[in-house]
Amino acid sequence: AGTGFTKAFVLALTNPYQILFWLTIGVGLLDPGTLDVLAETPYVGAR
């Protein structure tokens, strides 16, 4: 079980796309207004 936790945690920490998600959608969750969630999806966001 500890191995599974470590795998997922380390992979997430080295994923710049996950960082990009929190720079956009993540911070936007606290800012009053509206947020287009799927528009921030890598590669297919425009569609």
ModelCIF file with pLDDT and N, C-alpha, C, O atoms, coordinates in Angstrom:
data_MODEL
#
_entry.id   MODEL 
#
_entity.id                         1 
_entity.type                       polymer 
_entity.pdbx_number_of_molecules   1 
#
_entity_poly.entity_id                      1 
_entity_poly.type                           'polypeptide(L)' 
_entity_poly.nstd_linkage                   no 
_entity_poly.nstd_monomer                   no 
_entity_poly.pdbx_seq_one_letter_code       AGTGFTKAFVLALTNPYQILFWLTIGVGLLDPGTLDVLAETPYVGAR 
_entity_poly.pdbx_seq_one_letter_code_can   AGTGFTKAFVLALTNPYQILFWLTIGVGLLDPGTLDVLAETPYVGAR 
_entity_poly.pdbx_strand_id                 A 
#
loop_
_entity_poly_seq.entity_id 
_entity_poly_seq.num 
_entity_poly_seq.mon_id 
_entity_poly_seq.hetero 
1 1  ALA n 
1 2  GLY n 
1 3  THR n 
1 4  GLY n 
1 5  PHE n 
1 6  THR n 
1 7  LYS n 
1 8  ALA n 
1 9  PHE n 
1 10 VAL n 
1 11 LEU n 
1 12 ALA n 
1 13 LEU n 
1 14 THR n 
1 15 ASN n 
1 16 PRO n 
1 17 TYR n 
1 18 GLN n 
1 19 ILE n 
1 20 LEU n 
1 21 PHE n 
1 22 TRP n 
1 23 LEU n 
1 24 THR n 
1 25 ILE n 
1 26 GLY n 
1 27 VAL n 
1 28 GLY n 
1 29 LEU n 
1 30 LEU n 
1 31 ASP n 
1 32 PRO n 
1 33 GLY n 
1 34 THR n 
1 35 LEU n 
1 36 ASP n 
1 37 VAL n 
1 38 LEU n 
1 39 ALA n 
1 40 GLU n 
1 41 THR n 
1 42 PRO n 
1 43 TYR n 
1 44 VAL n 
1 45 GLY n 
1 46 ALA n 
1 47 ARG n 
#
_struct_asym.id          A 
_struct_asym.entity_id   1 
#
loop_
_ma_qa_metric.id 
_ma_qa_metric.mode 
_ma_qa_metric.name 
_ma_qa_metric.software_group_id 
_ma_qa_metric.type 
1 global pLDDT . pLDDT 
2 local  pLDDT . pLDDT 
#
_ma_qa_metric_global.metric_id      1 
_ma_qa_metric_global.metric_value   76.32 
_ma_qa_metric_global.model_id       1 
_ma_qa_metric_global.ordinal_id     1 
#
loop_
_ma_qa_metric_local.label_asym_id 
_ma_qa_metric_local.label_comp_id 
_ma_qa_metric_local.label_seq_id 
_ma_qa_metric_local.metric_id 
_ma_qa_metric_local.metric_value 
_ma_qa_metric_local.model_id 
_ma_qa_metric_local.ordinal_id 
A ALA 1  2 38.00 1 1  
A GLY 2  2 47.00 1 2  
A THR 3  2 80.00 1 3  
A GLY 4  2 85.00 1 4  
A PHE 5  2 91.00 1 5  
A THR 6  2 90.00 1 6  
A LYS 7  2 88.00 1 7  
A ALA 8  2 90.00 1 8  
A PHE 9  2 92.00 1 9  
A VAL 10 2 89.00 1 10 
A LEU 11 2 87.00 1 11 
A ALA 12 2 87.00 1 12 
A LEU 13 2 86.00 1 13 
A THR 14 2 82.00 1 14 
A ASN 15 2 80.00 1 15 
A PRO 16 2 75.00 1 16 
A TYR 17 2 77.00 1 17 
A GLN 18 2 81.00 1 18 
A ILE 19 2 78.00 1 19 
A LEU 20 2 76.00 1 20 
A PHE 21 2 79.00 1 21 
A TRP 22 2 80.00 1 22 
A LEU 23 2 73.00 1 23 
A THR 24 2 72.00 1 24 
A ILE 25 2 73.00 1 25 
A GLY 26 2 74.00 1 26 
A VAL 27 2 71.00 1 27 
A GLY 28 2 71.00 1 28 
A LEU 29 2 74.00 1 29 
A LEU 30 2 71.00 1 30 
A ASP 31 2 74.00 1 31 
A PRO 32 2 80.00 1 32 
A GLY 33 2 80.00 1 33 
A THR 34 2 79.00 1 34 
A LEU 35 2 73.00 1 35 
A ASP 36 2 76.00 1 36 
A VAL 37 2 72.00 1 37 
A LEU 38 2 74.00 1 38 
A ALA 39 2 76.00 1 39 
A GLU 40 2 66.00 1 40 
A THR 41 2 72.00 1 41 
A PRO 42 2 67.00 1 42 
A TYR 43 2 67.00 1 43 
A VAL 44 2 71.00 1 44 
A GLY 45 2 69.00 1 45 
A ALA 46 2 76.00 1 46 
A ARG 47 2 78.00 1 47 
#
loop_
_atom_site.group_PDB 
_atom_site.id 
_atom_site.type_symbol 
_atom_site.label_atom_id 
_atom_site.label_alt_id 
_atom_site.label_comp_id 
_atom_site.label_asym_id 
_atom_site.label_entity_id 
_atom_site.label_seq_id 
_atom_site.pdbx_PDB_ins_code 
_atom_site.Cartn_x 
_atom_site.Cartn_y 
_atom_site.Cartn_z 
_atom_site.occupancy 
_atom_site.B_iso_or_equiv 
_atom_site.pdbx_formal_charge 
_atom_site.auth_seq_id 
_atom_site.auth_comp_id 
_atom_site.auth_asym_id 
_atom_site.auth_atom_id 
_atom_site.pdbx_PDB_model_num 
ATOM 1   N N  . ALA A 1 1  ? 0.828   -1.205 0.000   1.00 38.00 ? 1  ALA A N  1 
ATOM 2   C CA . ALA A 1 1  ? 0.000   0.000  0.000   1.00 38.00 ? 1  ALA A CA 1 
ATOM 3   C C  . ALA A 1 1  ? 0.860   1.252  0.000   1.00 38.00 ? 1  ALA A C  1 
ATOM 4   O O  . ALA A 1 1  ? 0.555   2.225  -0.689  1.00 38.00 ? 1  ALA A O  1 
ATOM 5   N N  . GLY A 1 2  ? 1.944   1.223  0.782   1.00 47.00 ? 2  GLY A N  1 
ATOM 6   C CA . GLY A 1 2  ? 2.833   2.371  0.809   1.00 47.00 ? 2  GLY A CA 1 
ATOM 7   C C  . GLY A 1 2  ? 3.455   2.629  -0.553  1.00 47.00 ? 2  GLY A C  1 
ATOM 8   O O  . GLY A 1 2  ? 3.664   3.780  -0.937  1.00 47.00 ? 2  GLY A O  1 
ATOM 9   N N  . THR A 1 3  ? 3.754   1.550  -1.292  1.00 80.00 ? 3  THR A N  1 
ATOM 10  C CA . THR A 1 3  ? 4.312   1.686  -2.619  1.00 80.00 ? 3  THR A CA 1 
ATOM 11  C C  . THR A 1 3  ? 3.332   2.374  -3.549  1.00 80.00 ? 3  THR A C  1 
ATOM 12  O O  . THR A 1 3  ? 3.727   3.248  -4.320  1.00 80.00 ? 3  THR A O  1 
ATOM 13  N N  . GLY A 1 4  ? 2.060   1.997  -3.494  1.00 85.00 ? 4  GLY A N  1 
ATOM 14  C CA . GLY A 1 4  ? 1.049   2.624  -4.331  1.00 85.00 ? 4  GLY A CA 1 
ATOM 15  C C  . GLY A 1 4  ? 0.919   4.104  -4.046  1.00 85.00 ? 4  GLY A C  1 
ATOM 16  O O  . GLY A 1 4  ? 0.809   4.903  -4.976  1.00 85.00 ? 4  GLY A O  1 
ATOM 17  N N  . PHE A 1 5  ? 0.927   4.481  -2.795  1.00 91.00 ? 5  PHE A N  1 
ATOM 18  C CA . PHE A 1 5  ? 0.850   5.894  -2.410  1.00 91.00 ? 5  PHE A CA 1 
ATOM 19  C C  . PHE A 1 5  ? 2.033   6.660  -2.990  1.00 91.00 ? 5  PHE A C  1 
ATOM 20  O O  . PHE A 1 5  ? 1.872   7.741  -3.558  1.00 91.00 ? 5  PHE A O  1 
ATOM 21  N N  . THR A 1 6  ? 3.219   6.087  -2.840  1.00 90.00 ? 6  THR A N  1 
ATOM 22  C CA . THR A 1 6  ? 4.430   6.760  -3.307  1.00 90.00 ? 6  THR A CA 1 
ATOM 23  C C  . THR A 1 6  ? 4.442   6.912  -4.819  1.00 90.00 ? 6  THR A C  1 
ATOM 24  O O  . THR A 1 6  ? 4.813   7.965  -5.337  1.00 90.00 ? 6  THR A O  1 
ATOM 25  N N  . LYS A 1 7  ? 4.033   5.858  -5.535  1.00 88.00 ? 7  LYS A N  1 
ATOM 26  C CA . LYS A 1 7  ? 3.992   5.926  -6.994  1.00 88.00 ? 7  LYS A CA 1 
ATOM 27  C C  . LYS A 1 7  ? 3.151   7.112  -7.463  1.00 88.00 ? 7  LYS A C  1 
ATOM 28  O O  . LYS A 1 7  ? 3.613   7.956  -8.231  1.00 88.00 ? 7  LYS A O  1 
ATOM 29  N N  . ALA A 1 8  ? 1.909   7.156  -6.986  1.00 90.00 ? 8  ALA A N  1 
ATOM 30  C CA . ALA A 1 8  ? 0.990   8.199  -7.448  1.00 90.00 ? 8  ALA A CA 1 
ATOM 31  C C  . ALA A 1 8  ? 1.453   9.582  -7.005  1.00 90.00 ? 8  ALA A C  1 
ATOM 32  O O  . ALA A 1 8  ? 1.347   10.546 -7.763  1.00 90.00 ? 8  ALA A O  1 
ATOM 33  N N  . PHE A 1 9  ? 1.960   9.681  -5.792  1.00 92.00 ? 9  PHE A N  1 
ATOM 34  C CA . PHE A 1 9  ? 2.394   10.975 -5.264  1.00 92.00 ? 9  PHE A CA 1 
ATOM 35  C C  . PHE A 1 9  ? 3.577   11.521 -6.064  1.00 92.00 ? 9  PHE A C  1 
ATOM 36  O O  . PHE A 1 9  ? 3.589   12.693 -6.440  1.00 92.00 ? 9  PHE A O  1 
ATOM 37  N N  . VAL A 1 10 ? 4.574   10.664 -6.322  1.00 89.00 ? 10 VAL A N  1 
ATOM 38  C CA . VAL A 1 10 ? 5.766   11.102 -7.050  1.00 89.00 ? 10 VAL A CA 1 
ATOM 39  C C  . VAL A 1 10 ? 5.427   11.447 -8.491  1.00 89.00 ? 10 VAL A C  1 
ATOM 40  O O  . VAL A 1 10 ? 5.928   12.436 -9.024  1.00 89.00 ? 10 VAL A O  1 
ATOM 41  N N  . LEU A 1 11 ? 4.572   10.635 -9.134  1.00 87.00 ? 11 LEU A N  1 
ATOM 42  C CA . LEU A 1 11 ? 4.178   10.939 -10.503 1.00 87.00 ? 11 LEU A CA 1 
ATOM 43  C C  . LEU A 1 11 ? 3.464   12.282 -10.591 1.00 87.00 ? 11 LEU A C  1 
ATOM 44  O O  . LEU A 1 11 ? 3.688   13.054 -11.523 1.00 87.00 ? 11 LEU A O  1 
ATOM 45  N N  . ALA A 1 12 ? 2.603   12.555 -9.614  1.00 87.00 ? 12 ALA A N  1 
ATOM 46  C CA . ALA A 1 12 ? 1.873   13.825 -9.615  1.00 87.00 ? 12 ALA A CA 1 
ATOM 47  C C  . ALA A 1 12 ? 2.825   14.999 -9.420  1.00 87.00 ? 12 ALA A C  1 
ATOM 48  O O  . ALA A 1 12 ? 2.666   16.035 -10.066 1.00 87.00 ? 12 ALA A O  1 
ATOM 49  N N  . LEU A 1 13 ? 3.808   14.853 -8.544  1.00 86.00 ? 13 LEU A N  1 
ATOM 50  C CA . LEU A 1 13 ? 4.739   15.950 -8.273  1.00 86.00 ? 13 LEU A CA 1 
ATOM 51  C C  . LEU A 1 13 ? 5.617   16.286 -9.475  1.00 86.00 ? 13 LEU A C  1 
ATOM 52  O O  . LEU A 1 13 ? 6.078   17.419 -9.611  1.00 86.00 ? 13 LEU A O  1 
ATOM 53  N N  . THR A 1 14 ? 5.850   15.300 -10.353 1.00 82.00 ? 14 THR A N  1 
ATOM 54  C CA . THR A 1 14 ? 6.713   15.539 -11.511 1.00 82.00 ? 14 THR A CA 1 
ATOM 55  C C  . THR A 1 14 ? 5.907   15.815 -12.776 1.00 82.00 ? 14 THR A C  1 
ATOM 56  O O  . THR A 1 14 ? 6.456   15.792 -13.878 1.00 82.00 ? 14 THR A O  1 
ATOM 57  N N  . ASN A 1 15 ? 4.610   16.075 -12.626 1.00 80.00 ? 15 ASN A N  1 
ATOM 58  C CA . ASN A 1 15 ? 3.741   16.312 -13.775 1.00 80.00 ? 15 ASN A CA 1 
ATOM 59  C C  . ASN A 1 15 ? 3.479   17.810 -13.936 1.00 80.00 ? 15 ASN A C  1 
ATOM 60  O O  . ASN A 1 15 ? 2.663   18.365 -13.200 1.00 80.00 ? 15 ASN A O  1 
ATOM 61  N N  . PRO A 1 16 ? 4.148   18.478 -14.878 1.00 75.00 ? 16 PRO A N  1 
ATOM 62  C CA . PRO A 1 16 ? 3.940   19.921 -15.040 1.00 75.00 ? 16 PRO A CA 1 
ATOM 63  C C  . PRO A 1 16 ? 2.530   20.269 -15.481 1.00 75.00 ? 16 PRO A C  1 
ATOM 64  O O  . PRO A 1 16 ? 2.067   21.384 -15.240 1.00 75.00 ? 16 PRO A O  1 
ATOM 65  N N  . TYR A 1 17 ? 1.834   19.329 -16.126 1.00 77.00 ? 17 TYR A N  1 
ATOM 66  C CA . TYR A 1 17 ? 0.465   19.597 -16.545 1.00 77.00 ? 17 TYR A CA 1 
ATOM 67  C C  . TYR A 1 17 ? -0.470  19.668 -15.335 1.00 77.00 ? 17 TYR A C  1 
ATOM 68  O O  . TYR A 1 17 ? -1.478  20.375 -15.359 1.00 77.00 ? 17 TYR A O  1 
ATOM 69  N N  . GLN A 1 18 ? -0.130  18.941 -14.298 1.00 81.00 ? 18 GLN A N  1 
ATOM 70  C CA . GLN A 1 18 ? -0.920  19.034 -13.071 1.00 81.00 ? 18 GLN A CA 1 
ATOM 71  C C  . GLN A 1 18 ? -0.678  20.389 -12.399 1.00 81.00 ? 18 GLN A C  1 
ATOM 72  O O  . GLN A 1 18 ? -1.594  20.983 -11.831 1.00 81.00 ? 18 GLN A O  1 
ATOM 73  N N  . ILE A 1 19 ? 0.558   20.865 -12.470 1.00 78.00 ? 19 ILE A N  1 
ATOM 74  C CA . ILE A 1 19 ? 0.855   22.202 -11.956 1.00 78.00 ? 19 ILE A CA 1 
ATOM 75  C C  . ILE A 1 19 ? 0.087   23.256 -12.755 1.00 78.00 ? 19 ILE A C  1 
ATOM 76  O O  . ILE A 1 19 ? -0.472  24.193 -12.187 1.00 78.00 ? 19 ILE A O  1 
ATOM 77  N N  . LEU A 1 20 ? 0.067   23.090 -14.084 1.00 76.00 ? 20 LEU A N  1 
ATOM 78  C CA . LEU A 1 20 ? -0.664  24.026 -14.934 1.00 76.00 ? 20 LEU A CA 1 
ATOM 79  C C  . LEU A 1 20 ? -2.152  24.025 -14.584 1.00 76.00 ? 20 LEU A C  1 
ATOM 80  O O  . LEU A 1 20 ? -2.798  25.073 -14.589 1.00 76.00 ? 20 LEU A O  1 
ATOM 81  N N  . PHE A 1 21 ? -2.685  22.852 -14.283 1.00 79.00 ? 21 PHE A N  1 
ATOM 82  C CA . PHE A 1 21 ? -4.091  22.754 -13.883 1.00 79.00 ? 21 PHE A CA 1 
ATOM 83  C C  . PHE A 1 21 ? -4.367  23.611 -12.657 1.00 79.00 ? 21 PHE A C  1 
ATOM 84  O O  . PHE A 1 21 ? -5.359  24.338 -12.611 1.00 79.00 ? 21 PHE A O  1 
ATOM 85  N N  . TRP A 1 22 ? -3.485  23.524 -11.661 1.00 80.00 ? 22 TRP A N  1 
ATOM 86  C CA . TRP A 1 22 ? -3.718  24.270 -10.418 1.00 80.00 ? 22 TRP A CA 1 
ATOM 87  C C  . TRP A 1 22 ? -3.411  25.746 -10.568 1.00 80.00 ? 22 TRP A C  1 
ATOM 88  O O  . TRP A 1 22 ? -3.924  26.564 -9.805  1.00 80.00 ? 22 TRP A O  1 
ATOM 89  N N  . LEU A 1 23 ? -2.585  26.097 -11.534 1.00 73.00 ? 23 LEU A N  1 
ATOM 90  C CA . LEU A 1 23 ? -2.353  27.513 -11.808 1.00 73.00 ? 23 LEU A CA 1 
ATOM 91  C C  . LEU A 1 23 ? -3.577  28.165 -12.448 1.00 73.00 ? 23 LEU A C  1 
ATOM 92  O O  . LEU A 1 23 ? -3.787  29.369 -12.307 1.00 73.00 ? 23 LEU A O  1 
ATOM 93  N N  . THR A 1 24 ? -4.377  27.374 -13.144 1.00 72.00 ? 24 THR A N  1 
ATOM 94  C CA . THR A 1 24 ? -5.535  27.904 -13.856 1.00 72.00 ? 24 THR A CA 1 
ATOM 95  C C  . THR A 1 24 ? -6.825  27.569 -13.117 1.00 72.00 ? 24 THR A C  1 
ATOM 96  O O  . THR A 1 24 ? -7.410  28.427 -12.455 1.00 72.00 ? 24 THR A O  1 
ATOM 97  N N  . ILE A 1 25 ? -7.259  26.332 -13.230 1.00 73.00 ? 25 ILE A N  1 
ATOM 98  C CA . ILE A 1 25 ? -8.521  25.917 -12.616 1.00 73.00 ? 25 ILE A CA 1 
ATOM 99  C C  . ILE A 1 25 ? -8.436  25.953 -11.103 1.00 73.00 ? 25 ILE A C  1 
ATOM 100 O O  . ILE A 1 25 ? -9.362  26.426 -10.445 1.00 73.00 ? 25 ILE A O  1 
ATOM 101 N N  . GLY A 1 26 ? -7.335  25.460 -10.534 1.00 74.00 ? 26 GLY A N  1 
ATOM 102 C CA . GLY A 1 26 ? -7.222  25.382 -9.078  1.00 74.00 ? 26 GLY A CA 1 
ATOM 103 C C  . GLY A 1 26 ? -7.361  26.715 -8.388  1.00 74.00 ? 26 GLY A C  1 
ATOM 104 O O  . GLY A 1 26 ? -8.169  26.860 -7.471  1.00 74.00 ? 26 GLY A O  1 
ATOM 105 N N  . VAL A 1 27 ? -6.581  27.694 -8.819  1.00 71.00 ? 27 VAL A N  1 
ATOM 106 C CA . VAL A 1 27 ? -6.678  29.022 -8.215  1.00 71.00 ? 27 VAL A CA 1 
ATOM 107 C C  . VAL A 1 27 ? -8.028  29.653 -8.527  1.00 71.00 ? 27 VAL A C  1 
ATOM 108 O O  . VAL A 1 27 ? -8.593  30.377 -7.708  1.00 71.00 ? 27 VAL A O  1 
ATOM 109 N N  . GLY A 1 28 ? -8.541  29.366 -9.731  1.00 71.00 ? 28 GLY A N  1 
ATOM 110 C CA . GLY A 1 28 ? -9.818  29.930 -10.131 1.00 71.00 ? 28 GLY A CA 1 
ATOM 111 C C  . GLY A 1 28 ? -10.981 29.476 -9.279  1.00 71.00 ? 28 GLY A C  1 
ATOM 112 O O  . GLY A 1 28 ? -12.018 30.138 -9.248  1.00 71.00 ? 28 GLY A O  1 
ATOM 113 N N  . LEU A 1 29 ? -10.830 28.353 -8.585  1.00 74.00 ? 29 LEU A N  1 
ATOM 114 C CA . LEU A 1 29 ? -11.914 27.871 -7.734  1.00 74.00 ? 29 LEU A CA 1 
ATOM 115 C C  . LEU A 1 29 ? -12.243 28.852 -6.617  1.00 74.00 ? 29 LEU A C  1 
ATOM 116 O O  . LEU A 1 29 ? -13.379 28.892 -6.145  1.00 74.00 ? 29 LEU A O  1 
ATOM 117 N N  . LEU A 1 30 ? -11.266 29.642 -6.191  1.00 71.00 ? 30 LEU A N  1 
ATOM 118 C CA . LEU A 1 30 ? -11.483 30.571 -5.079  1.00 71.00 ? 30 LEU A CA 1 
ATOM 119 C C  . LEU A 1 30 ? -11.813 31.982 -5.534  1.00 71.00 ? 30 LEU A C  1 
ATOM 120 O O  . LEU A 1 30 ? -12.276 32.792 -4.731  1.00 71.00 ? 30 LEU A O  1 
ATOM 121 N N  . ASP A 1 31 ? -11.584 32.295 -6.807  1.00 74.00 ? 31 ASP A N  1 
ATOM 122 C CA . ASP A 1 31 ? -11.857 33.641 -7.306  1.00 74.00 ? 31 ASP A CA 1 
ATOM 123 C C  . ASP A 1 31 ? -13.323 33.757 -7.720  1.00 74.00 ? 31 ASP A C  1 
ATOM 124 O O  . ASP A 1 31 ? -13.793 32.948 -8.521  1.00 74.00 ? 31 ASP A O  1 
ATOM 125 N N  . PRO A 1 32 ? -14.061 34.748 -7.193  1.00 80.00 ? 32 PRO A N  1 
ATOM 126 C CA . PRO A 1 32 ? -15.471 34.916 -7.576  1.00 80.00 ? 32 PRO A CA 1 
ATOM 127 C C  . PRO A 1 32 ? -15.606 35.132 -9.081  1.00 80.00 ? 32 PRO A C  1 
ATOM 128 O O  . PRO A 1 32 ? -14.851 35.898 -9.680  1.00 80.00 ? 32 PRO A O  1 
ATOM 129 N N  . GLY A 1 33 ? -16.564 34.456 -9.672  1.00 80.00 ? 33 GLY A N  1 
ATOM 130 C CA . GLY A 1 33 ? -16.784 34.588 -11.103 1.00 80.00 ? 33 GLY A CA 1 
ATOM 131 C C  . GLY A 1 33 ? -17.185 33.261 -11.709 1.00 80.00 ? 33 GLY A C  1 
ATOM 132 O O  . GLY A 1 33 ? -17.848 32.454 -11.057 1.00 80.00 ? 33 GLY A O  1 
ATOM 133 N N  . THR A 1 34 ? -16.793 33.028 -12.943 1.00 79.00 ? 34 THR A N  1 
ATOM 134 C CA . THR A 1 34 ? -17.086 31.765 -13.620 1.00 79.00 ? 34 THR A CA 1 
ATOM 135 C C  . THR A 1 34 ? -15.784 31.172 -14.141 1.00 79.00 ? 34 THR A C  1 
ATOM 136 O O  . THR A 1 34 ? -14.805 31.884 -14.362 1.00 79.00 ? 34 THR A O  1 
ATOM 137 N N  . LEU A 1 35 ? -15.790 29.861 -14.331 1.00 73.00 ? 35 LEU A N  1 
ATOM 138 C CA . LEU A 1 35 ? -14.597 29.147 -14.782 1.00 73.00 ? 35 LEU A CA 1 
ATOM 139 C C  . LEU A 1 35 ? -14.997 28.106 -15.816 1.00 73.00 ? 35 LEU A C  1 
ATOM 140 O O  . LEU A 1 35 ? -15.841 27.250 -15.552 1.00 73.00 ? 35 LEU A O  1 
ATOM 141 N N  . ASP A 1 36 ? -14.388 28.181 -16.995 1.00 76.00 ? 36 ASP A N  1 
ATOM 142 C CA . ASP A 1 36 ? -14.611 27.195 -18.054 1.00 76.00 ? 36 ASP A CA 1 
ATOM 143 C C  . ASP A 1 36 ? -13.630 26.047 -17.819 1.00 76.00 ? 36 ASP A C  1 
ATOM 144 O O  . ASP A 1 36 ? -12.475 26.115 -18.238 1.00 76.00 ? 36 ASP A O  1 
ATOM 145 N N  . VAL A 1 37 ? -14.097 24.994 -17.146 1.00 72.00 ? 37 VAL A N  1 
ATOM 146 C CA . VAL A 1 37 ? -13.215 23.934 -16.657 1.00 72.00 ? 37 VAL A CA 1 
ATOM 147 C C  . VAL A 1 37 ? -12.539 23.187 -17.796 1.00 72.00 ? 37 VAL A C  1 
ATOM 148 O O  . VAL A 1 37 ? -11.315 23.059 -17.802 1.00 72.00 ? 37 VAL A O  1 
ATOM 149 N N  . LEU A 1 38 ? -13.304 22.693 -18.755 1.00 74.00 ? 38 LEU A N  1 
ATOM 150 C CA . LEU A 1 38 ? -12.737 21.838 -19.797 1.00 74.00 ? 38 LEU A CA 1 
ATOM 151 C C  . LEU A 1 38 ? -11.880 22.605 -20.795 1.00 74.00 ? 38 LEU A C  1 
ATOM 152 O O  . LEU A 1 38 ? -11.098 22.001 -21.529 1.00 74.00 ? 38 LEU A O  1 
ATOM 153 N N  . ALA A 1 39 ? -12.016 23.924 -20.829 1.00 76.00 ? 39 ALA A N  1 
ATOM 154 C CA . ALA A 1 39 ? -11.211 24.713 -21.755 1.00 76.00 ? 39 ALA A CA 1 
ATOM 155 C C  . ALA A 1 39 ? -9.729  24.642 -21.428 1.00 76.00 ? 39 ALA A C  1 
ATOM 156 O O  . ALA A 1 39 ? -8.895  24.916 -22.290 1.00 76.00 ? 39 ALA A O  1 
ATOM 157 N N  . GLU A 1 40 ? -9.385  24.277 -20.188 1.00 66.00 ? 40 GLU A N  1 
ATOM 158 C CA . GLU A 1 40 ? -7.980  24.203 -19.771 1.00 66.00 ? 40 GLU A CA 1 
ATOM 159 C C  . GLU A 1 40 ? -7.375  22.824 -20.005 1.00 66.00 ? 40 GLU A C  1 
ATOM 160 O O  . GLU A 1 40 ? -6.216  22.595 -19.659 1.00 66.00 ? 40 GLU A O  1 
ATOM 161 N N  . THR A 1 41 ? -8.147  21.895 -20.590 1.00 72.00 ? 41 THR A N  1 
ATOM 162 C CA . THR A 1 41 ? -7.644  20.549 -20.821 1.00 72.00 ? 41 THR A CA 1 
ATOM 163 C C  . THR A 1 41 ? -6.526  20.573 -21.854 1.00 72.00 ? 41 THR A C  1 
ATOM 164 O O  . THR A 1 41 ? -6.691  21.150 -22.929 1.00 72.00 ? 41 THR A O  1 
ATOM 165 N N  . PRO A 1 42 ? -5.369  19.944 -21.538 1.00 67.00 ? 42 PRO A N  1 
ATOM 166 C CA . PRO A 1 42 ? -4.270  19.939 -22.521 1.00 67.00 ? 42 PRO A CA 1 
ATOM 167 C C  . PRO A 1 42 ? -4.681  19.320 -23.848 1.00 67.00 ? 42 PRO A C  1 
ATOM 168 O O  . PRO A 1 42 ? -5.407  18.326 -23.869 1.00 67.00 ? 42 PRO A O  1 
ATOM 169 N N  . TYR A 1 43 ? -4.231  19.888 -24.942 1.00 67.00 ? 43 TYR A N  1 
ATOM 170 C CA . TYR A 1 43 ? -4.384  19.391 -26.307 1.00 67.00 ? 43 TYR A CA 1 
ATOM 171 C C  . TYR A 1 43 ? -5.783  19.605 -26.897 1.00 67.00 ? 43 TYR A C  1 
ATOM 172 O O  . TYR A 1 43 ? -5.899  20.026 -28.048 1.00 67.00 ? 43 TYR A O  1 
ATOM 173 N N  . VAL A 1 44 ? -6.852  19.323 -26.130 1.00 71.00 ? 44 VAL A N  1 
ATOM 174 C CA . VAL A 1 44 ? -8.208  19.363 -26.688 1.00 71.00 ? 44 VAL A CA 1 
ATOM 175 C C  . VAL A 1 44 ? -9.066  20.460 -26.070 1.00 71.00 ? 44 VAL A C  1 
ATOM 176 O O  . VAL A 1 44 ? -10.274 20.498 -26.301 1.00 71.00 ? 44 VAL A O  1 
ATOM 177 N N  . GLY A 1 45 ? -8.462  21.350 -25.290 1.00 69.00 ? 45 GLY A N  1 
ATOM 178 C CA . GLY A 1 45 ? -9.226  22.362 -24.586 1.00 69.00 ? 45 GLY A CA 1 
ATOM 179 C C  . GLY A 1 45 ? -10.042 23.270 -25.488 1.00 69.00 ? 45 GLY A C  1 
ATOM 180 O O  . GLY A 1 45 ? -11.157 23.654 -25.133 1.00 69.00 ? 45 GLY A O  1 
ATOM 181 N N  . ALA A 1 46 ? -9.503  23.620 -26.651 1.00 76.00 ? 46 ALA A N  1 
ATOM 182 C CA . ALA A 1 46 ? -10.205 24.531 -27.558 1.00 76.00 ? 46 ALA A CA 1 
ATOM 183 C C  . ALA A 1 46 ? -11.522 23.940 -28.040 1.00 76.00 ? 46 ALA A C  1 
ATOM 184 O O  . ALA A 1 46 ? -12.489 24.668 -28.265 1.00 76.00 ? 46 ALA A O  1 
ATOM 185 N N  . ARG A 1 47 ? -11.562 22.619 -28.198 1.00 78.00 ? 47 ARG A N  1 
ATOM 186 C CA . ARG A 1 47 ? -12.777 21.969 -28.688 1.00 78.00 ? 47 ARG A CA 1 
ATOM 187 C C  . ARG A 1 47 ? -13.800 21.738 -27.590 1.00 78.00 ? 47 ARG A C  1 
ATOM 188 O O  . ARG A 1 47 ? -14.875 21.199 -27.852 1.00 78.00 ? 47 ARG A O  1 
#
